């Protein structure tokens, strides 16, 4: 599976015009920085898209859970690739 954060943000923008794309992109970066792999990220965002009461903030809050990340870890190559892909899409 190839990570496609820009495409996921585009799909979310099409499906959920009530969501702020920049907020979702920030939440995607936060989750990746917290150690989430692409499969977990895609699955979680897909669930949020299907939930009428969900928002990008839900992803951001999930990424902030202390048990889901290791403090002080440098950004991974996957994180850097996602960050660069999202910046290029703007």
Protein backbone atom coordinates (compact mmCIF):
# COMPACT_ATOMS: atom_id res chain seq x y z
CA UNK A 1 0.00 0.00 0.00
CA UNK A 2 1.39 3.39 -0.99
CA UNK A 3 0.61 6.34 1.31
CA UNK A 4 -1.48 8.99 -0.43
CA UNK A 5 -2.12 11.78 2.10
CA UNK A 6 -2.89 14.46 -0.50
CA UNK A 7 -5.42 12.20 -2.17
CA UNK A 8 -7.00 11.35 1.17
CA UNK A 9 -7.27 15.06 2.01
CA UNK A 10 -8.85 15.64 -1.42
CA UNK A 11 -11.34 12.83 -0.90
CA UNK A 12 -12.22 14.23 2.51
CA UNK A 13 -12.73 17.70 1.02
CA UNK A 14 -15.07 16.24 -1.61
CA UNK A 15 -17.00 14.08 0.86
CA UNK A 16 -17.06 16.49 3.78
CA UNK A 17 -17.19 20.10 2.57
CA UNK A 18 -17.89 21.07 6.19
CA UNK A 19 -14.33 20.04 7.12
CA UNK A 20 -11.44 22.45 6.86
CA UNK A 21 -8.81 20.83 4.63
CA UNK A 22 -5.91 22.55 6.40
CA UNK A 23 -7.14 21.17 9.74
CA UNK A 24 -7.26 17.66 8.32
CA UNK A 25 -3.78 18.01 6.82
CA UNK A 26 -2.44 19.18 10.19
CA UNK A 27 -4.12 16.22 11.89
CA UNK A 28 -2.64 13.81 9.30
CA UNK A 29 0.83 15.17 10.00
CA UNK A 30 0.29 15.00 13.77
CA UNK A 31 -0.85 11.37 13.59
CA UNK A 32 2.08 10.40 11.38
CA UNK A 33 4.47 12.20 13.72
CA UNK A 34 2.92 10.27 16.61
CA UNK A 35 3.92 7.03 14.89
CA UNK A 36 0.73 6.07 13.08
CA UNK A 37 1.39 4.03 9.97
CA UNK A 38 -0.52 4.65 6.75
CA UNK A 39 -2.92 1.73 7.18
CA UNK A 40 -3.98 2.92 10.62
CA UNK A 41 -4.28 6.52 9.46
CA UNK A 42 -6.35 5.65 6.38
CA UNK A 43 -8.66 3.37 8.37
CA UNK A 44 -9.23 5.96 11.08
CA UNK A 45 -9.92 8.80 8.64
CA UNK A 46 -12.27 6.57 6.64
CA UNK A 47 -14.28 5.95 9.80
CA UNK A 48 -14.38 9.67 10.54
CA UNK A 49 -15.59 10.43 7.03
CA UNK A 50 -18.53 8.10 7.54
CA UNK A 51 -19.44 9.63 10.92
CA UNK A 52 -21.65 12.71 10.51
CA UNK A 53 -20.60 14.06 13.89
CA UNK A 54 -16.84 13.60 13.36
CA UNK A 55 -14.28 16.24 12.44
CA UNK A 56 -10.52 16.44 11.79
CA UNK A 57 -10.17 17.40 15.43
CA UNK A 58 -11.09 13.81 16.35
CA UNK A 59 -8.00 12.58 14.49
CA UNK A 60 -5.85 15.25 16.10
CA UNK A 61 -7.08 14.26 19.56
CA UNK A 62 -6.50 10.56 18.85
CA UNK A 63 -2.94 11.36 17.72
CA UNK A 64 -2.28 13.22 20.97
CA UNK A 65 -3.03 10.25 23.19
CA UNK A 66 0.15 9.76 25.20
CA UNK A 67 0.07 5.98 24.97
CA UNK A 68 0.09 6.13 21.17
CA UNK A 69 3.37 7.98 20.76
CA UNK A 70 6.91 8.02 22.03
CA UNK A 71 8.21 11.43 23.09
CA UNK A 72 11.44 12.69 21.66
CA UNK A 73 11.45 10.43 18.60
CA UNK A 74 12.73 12.16 15.46
CA UNK A 75 10.35 12.32 12.48
CA UNK A 76 10.30 9.16 10.39
CA UNK A 77 10.92 9.05 6.64
CA UNK A 78 7.19 8.33 6.19
CA UNK A 79 6.34 11.47 8.17
CA UNK A 80 8.69 13.58 6.05
CA UNK A 81 7.21 12.17 2.83
CA UNK A 82 3.64 12.90 3.98
CA UNK A 83 4.56 16.40 5.12
CA UNK A 84 6.23 17.13 1.78
CA UNK A 85 3.30 15.67 -0.18
CA UNK A 86 0.81 17.79 1.74
CA UNK A 87 2.87 20.94 1.33
CA UNK A 88 3.12 20.30 -2.40
CA UNK A 89 -0.67 19.94 -2.68
CA UNK A 90 -1.37 23.36 -1.16
